[in-house]
Amino acid sequence: MVETKQRFPAEANKVYTYADAETLLNNTADLAKFVDHHKTVQVPRLSELDD
């Protein structure tokens, strides 16, 4: 078996799910966590992939 090294941690590919948009908008703490994670973890990965 060939071992491959991931370029990014699994956390960089995290998918966010919520029951519906209204529930998420009523839970601003979770919404803030999602936005912060996207900016700090996912955007750098996406930027590198875009190059």
PDB file of N, CA and C in Angstrom:
ATOM      1  N   MET A   1       0.837  -1.173   0.000  1.00  0.00           N
ATOM      2  CA  MET A   1       0.000   0.000   0.000  1.00  0.00           C
ATOM      3  C   MET A   1       0.889   1.245   0.000  1.00  0.00           C
ATOM      4  N   VAL A   2       0.550   2.192  -0.848  1.00  0.00           N
ATOM      5  CA  VAL A   2       1.301   3.431  -0.958  1.00  0.00           C
ATOM      6  C   VAL A   2       0.681   4.463  -0.019  1.00  0.00           C
ATOM      7  N   GLU A   3       1.522   5.045   0.813  1.00  0.00           N
ATOM      8  CA  GLU A   3       1.034   6.065   1.731  1.00  0.00           C
ATOM      9  C   GLU A   3       1.125   7.429   1.058  1.00  0.00           C
ATOM     10  N   THR A   4       0.033   8.156   1.079  1.00  0.00           N
ATOM     11  CA  THR A   4       0.031   9.497   0.490  1.00  0.00           C
ATOM     12  C   THR A   4      -0.109  10.519   1.607  1.00  0.00           C
ATOM     13  N   LYS A   5       0.555  11.637   1.407  1.00  0.00           N
ATOM     14  CA  LYS A   5       0.500  12.701   2.394  1.00  0.00           C
ATOM     15  C   LYS A   5      -0.532  13.730   1.953  1.00  0.00           C
ATOM     16  N   GLN A   6      -1.419  14.079   2.856  1.00  0.00           N
ATOM     17  CA  GLN A   6      -2.411  15.091   2.552  1.00  0.00           C
ATOM     18  C   GLN A   6      -1.771  16.467   2.618  1.00  0.00           C
ATOM     19  N   ARG A   7      -2.126  17.320   1.676  1.00  0.00           N
ATOM     20  CA  ARG A   7      -1.599  18.680   1.662  1.00  0.00           C
ATOM     21  C   ARG A   7      -2.226  19.539   2.743  1.00  0.00           C
ATOM     22  N   PHE A   8      -3.437  19.196   3.138  1.00  0.00           N
ATOM     23  CA  PHE A   8      -4.182  19.986   4.105  1.00  0.00           C
ATOM     24  C   PHE A   8      -4.777  19.063   5.156  1.00  0.00           C
ATOM     25  N   PRO A   9      -4.959  19.579   6.354  1.00  0.00           N
ATOM     26  CA  PRO A   9      -5.591  18.740   7.384  1.00  0.00           C
ATOM     27  C   PRO A   9      -7.054  18.476   7.031  1.00  0.00           C
ATOM     28  N   ALA A  10      -7.585  17.401   7.542  1.00  0.00           N
ATOM     29  CA  ALA A  10      -8.988  17.057   7.281  1.00  0.00           C
ATOM     30  C   ALA A  10      -9.915  18.190   7.702  1.00  0.00           C
ATOM     31  N   GLU A  11      -9.535  18.923   8.716  1.00  0.00           N
ATOM     32  CA  GLU A  11     -10.347  20.037   9.211  1.00  0.00           C
ATOM     33  C   GLU A  11     -10.560  21.103   8.131  1.00  0.00           C
ATOM     34  N   ALA A  12      -9.653  21.183   7.164  1.00  0.00           N
ATOM     35  CA  ALA A  12      -9.775  22.170   6.091  1.00  0.00           C
ATOM     36  C   ALA A  12     -10.886  21.813   5.104  1.00  0.00           C
ATOM     37  N   ASN A  13     -11.386  20.601   5.188  1.00  0.00           N
ATOM     38  CA  ASN A  13     -12.465  20.158   4.296  1.00  0.00           C
ATOM     39  C   ASN A  13     -13.786  19.966   5.033  1.00  0.00           C
ATOM     40  N   LYS A  14     -13.870  20.534   6.207  1.00  0.00           N
ATOM     41  CA  LYS A  14     -15.072  20.369   7.026  1.00  0.00           C
ATOM     42  C   LYS A  14     -16.300  20.925   6.307  1.00  0.00           C
ATOM     43  N   VAL A  15     -17.390  20.174   6.403  1.00  0.00           N
ATOM     44  CA  VAL A  15     -18.659  20.585   5.807  1.00  0.00           C
ATOM     45  C   VAL A  15     -19.593  20.962   6.950  1.00  0.00           C
ATOM     46  N   TYR A  16     -20.193  22.119   6.837  1.00  0.00           N
ATOM     47  CA  TYR A  16     -21.106  22.597   7.870  1.00  0.00           C
ATOM     48  C   TYR A  16     -22.536  22.219   7.505  1.00  0.00           C
ATOM     49  N   THR A  17     -23.269  21.724   8.468  1.00  0.00           N
ATOM     50  CA  THR A  17     -24.673  21.406   8.234  1.00  0.00           C
ATOM     51  C   THR A  17     -25.514  21.957   9.381  1.00  0.00           C
ATOM     52  N   TYR A  18     -26.690  22.358   9.050  1.00  0.00           N
ATOM     53  CA  TYR A  18     -27.653  22.877  10.026  1.00  0.00           C
ATOM     54  C   TYR A  18     -29.034  22.512   9.521  1.00  0.00           C
ATOM     55  N   ALA A  19     -29.986  22.406  10.420  1.00  0.00           N
ATOM     56  CA  ALA A  19     -31.341  21.988  10.037  1.00  0.00           C
ATOM     57  C   ALA A  19     -31.919  22.893   8.953  1.00  0.00           C
ATOM     58  N   ASP A  20     -31.779  24.204   9.152  1.00  0.00           N
ATOM     59  CA  ASP A  20     -32.258  25.157   8.151  1.00  0.00           C
ATOM     60  C   ASP A  20     -31.613  26.506   8.429  1.00  0.00           C
ATOM     61  N   ALA A  21     -31.708  27.405   7.472  1.00  0.00           N
ATOM     62  CA  ALA A  21     -31.046  28.706   7.578  1.00  0.00           C
ATOM     63  C   ALA A  21     -31.598  29.522   8.744  1.00  0.00           C
ATOM     64  N   GLU A  22     -32.889  29.471   8.966  1.00  0.00           N
ATOM     65  CA  GLU A  22     -33.490  30.262  10.042  1.00  0.00           C
ATOM     66  C   GLU A  22     -32.937  29.848  11.404  1.00  0.00           C
ATOM     67  N   THR A  23     -32.807  28.548  11.627  1.00  0.00           N
ATOM     68  CA  THR A  23     -32.268  28.058  12.893  1.00  0.00           C
ATOM     69  C   THR A  23     -30.823  28.512  13.071  1.00  0.00           C
ATOM     70  N   LEU A  24     -30.049  28.441  12.014  1.00  0.00           N
ATOM     71  CA  LEU A  24     -28.657  28.895  12.079  1.00  0.00           C
ATOM     72  C   LEU A  24     -28.588  30.391  12.375  1.00  0.00           C
ATOM     73  N   LEU A  25     -29.413  31.175  11.712  1.00  0.00           N
ATOM     74  CA  LEU A  25     -29.398  32.615  11.934  1.00  0.00           C
ATOM     75  C   LEU A  25     -29.825  32.983  13.357  1.00  0.00           C
ATOM     76  N   ASN A  26     -30.578  32.116  13.980  1.00  0.00           N
ATOM     77  CA  ASN A  26     -30.974  32.336  15.374  1.00  0.00           C
ATOM     78  C   ASN A  26     -29.926  31.852  16.359  1.00  0.00           C
ATOM     79  N   ASN A  27     -28.879  31.202  15.870  1.00  0.00           N
ATOM     80  CA  ASN A  27     -27.797  30.733  16.726  1.00  0.00           C
ATOM     81  C   ASN A  27     -26.508  31.411  16.270  1.00  0.00           C
ATOM     82  N   THR A  28     -26.361  32.648  16.660  1.00  0.00           N
ATOM     83  CA  THR A  28     -25.239  33.454  16.170  1.00  0.00           C
ATOM     84  C   THR A  28     -23.887  32.933  16.649  1.00  0.00           C
ATOM     85  N   ALA A  29     -23.841  32.234  17.775  1.00  0.00           N
ATOM     86  CA  ALA A  29     -22.570  31.676  18.245  1.00  0.00           C
ATOM     87  C   ALA A  29     -22.050  30.633  17.251  1.00  0.00           C
ATOM     88  N   ASP A  30     -22.918  29.735  16.812  1.00  0.00           N
ATOM     89  CA  ASP A  30     -22.514  28.734  15.818  1.00  0.00           C
ATOM     90  C   ASP A  30     -22.161  29.400  14.492  1.00  0.00           C
ATOM     91  N   LEU A  31     -22.954  30.359  14.083  1.00  0.00           N
ATOM     92  CA  LEU A  31     -22.686  31.059  12.832  1.00  0.00           C
ATOM     93  C   LEU A  31     -21.318  31.727  12.873  1.00  0.00           C
ATOM     94  N   ALA A  32     -20.988  32.358  13.981  1.00  0.00           N
ATOM     95  CA  ALA A  32     -19.682  33.005  14.135  1.00  0.00           C
ATOM     96  C   ALA A  32     -18.549  31.974  14.065  1.00  0.00           C
ATOM     97  N   LYS A  33     -18.748  30.806  14.663  1.00  0.00           N
ATOM     98  CA  LYS A  33     -17.733  29.738  14.600  1.00  0.00           C
ATOM     99  C   LYS A  33     -17.532  29.279  13.158  1.00  0.00           C
ATOM    100  N   PHE A  34     -18.620  29.101  12.422  1.00  0.00           N
ATOM    101  CA  PHE A  34     -18.531  28.665  11.026  1.00  0.00           C
ATOM    102  C   PHE A  34     -17.746  29.678  10.192  1.00  0.00           C
ATOM    103  N   VAL A  35     -18.079  30.955  10.357  1.00  0.00           N
ATOM    104  CA  VAL A  35     -17.418  32.006   9.575  1.00  0.00           C
ATOM    105  C   VAL A  35     -15.943  32.092   9.943  1.00  0.00           C
ATOM    106  N   ASP A  36     -15.638  32.046  11.234  1.00  0.00           N
ATOM    107  CA  ASP A  36     -14.242  32.116  11.670  1.00  0.00           C
ATOM    108  C   ASP A  36     -13.439  30.934  11.129  1.00  0.00           C
ATOM    109  N   HIS A  37     -13.998  29.751  11.221  1.00  0.00           N
ATOM    110  CA  HIS A  37     -13.300  28.554  10.718  1.00  0.00           C
ATOM    111  C   HIS A  37     -13.077  28.657   9.214  1.00  0.00           C
ATOM    112  N   HIS A  38     -14.069  29.135   8.508  1.00  0.00           N
ATOM    113  CA  HIS A  38     -13.938  29.283   7.064  1.00  0.00           C
ATOM    114  C   HIS A  38     -12.790  30.237   6.730  1.00  0.00           C
ATOM    115  N   LYS A  39     -12.745  31.382   7.420  1.00  0.00           N
ATOM    116  CA  LYS A  39     -11.712  32.390   7.148  1.00  0.00           C
ATOM    117  C   LYS A  39     -10.321  31.906   7.535  1.00  0.00           C
ATOM    118  N   THR A  40     -10.189  31.193   8.655  1.00  0.00           N
ATOM    119  CA  THR A  40      -8.868  30.837   9.152  1.00  0.00           C
ATOM    120  C   THR A  40      -8.339  29.513   8.625  1.00  0.00           C
ATOM    121  N   VAL A  41      -9.226  28.594   8.259  1.00  0.00           N
ATOM    122  CA  VAL A  41      -8.780  27.255   7.845  1.00  0.00           C
ATOM    123  C   VAL A  41      -9.075  26.968   6.374  1.00  0.00           C
ATOM    124  N   GLN A  42     -10.284  27.264   5.936  1.00  0.00           N
ATOM    125  CA  GLN A  42     -10.665  26.882   4.577  1.00  0.00           C
ATOM    126  C   GLN A  42     -10.169  27.854   3.517  1.00  0.00           C
ATOM    127  N   VAL A  43     -10.187  29.145   3.791  1.00  0.00           N
ATOM    128  CA  VAL A  43      -9.742  30.120   2.789  1.00  0.00           C
ATOM    129  C   VAL A  43      -8.277  29.897   2.394  1.00  0.00           C
ATOM    130  N   PRO A  44      -7.357  29.664   3.345  1.00  0.00           N
ATOM    131  CA  PRO A  44      -5.976  29.396   2.922  1.00  0.00           C
ATOM    132  C   PRO A  44      -5.857  28.176   1.997  1.00  0.00           C
ATOM    133  N   ARG A  45      -6.621  27.132   2.283  1.00  0.00           N
ATOM    134  CA  ARG A  45      -6.602  25.934   1.430  1.00  0.00           C
ATOM    135  C   ARG A  45      -7.152  26.270   0.052  1.00  0.00           C
ATOM    136  N   LEU A  46      -8.267  26.968   0.013  1.00  0.00           N
ATOM    137  CA  LEU A  46      -8.870  27.321  -1.269  1.00  0.00           C
ATOM    138  C   LEU A  46      -7.967  28.256  -2.077  1.00  0.00           C
ATOM    139  N   SER A  47      -7.299  29.176  -1.398  1.00  0.00           N
ATOM    140  CA  SER A  47      -6.383  30.083  -2.083  1.00  0.00           C
ATOM    141  C   SER A  47      -5.229  29.321  -2.724  1.00  0.00           C
ATOM    142  N   GLU A  48      -4.694  28.359  -1.997  1.00  0.00           N
ATOM    143  CA  GLU A  48      -3.588  27.572  -2.552  1.00  0.00           C
ATOM    144  C   GLU A  48      -4.057  26.731  -3.731  1.00  0.00           C
ATOM    145  N   LEU A  49      -5.249  26.167  -3.627  1.00  0.00           N
ATOM    146  CA  LEU A  49      -5.761  25.360  -4.732  1.00  0.00           C
ATOM    147  C   LEU A  49      -6.079  26.204  -5.959  1.00  0.00           C
ATOM    148  N   ASP A  50      -6.399  27.480  -5.736  1.00  0.00           N
ATOM    149  CA  ASP A  50      -6.749  28.379  -6.830  1.00  0.00           C
ATOM    150  C   ASP A  50      -5.526  28.830  -7.620  1.00  0.00           C
ATOM    151  N   ASP A  51      -4.348  28.772  -7.001  1.00  0.00           N
ATOM    152  CA  ASP A  51      -3.117  29.220  -7.685  1.00  0.00           C
ATOM    153  C   ASP A  51      -2.759  28.355  -8.868  1.00  0.00           C
TER     154      ASP A  51
END
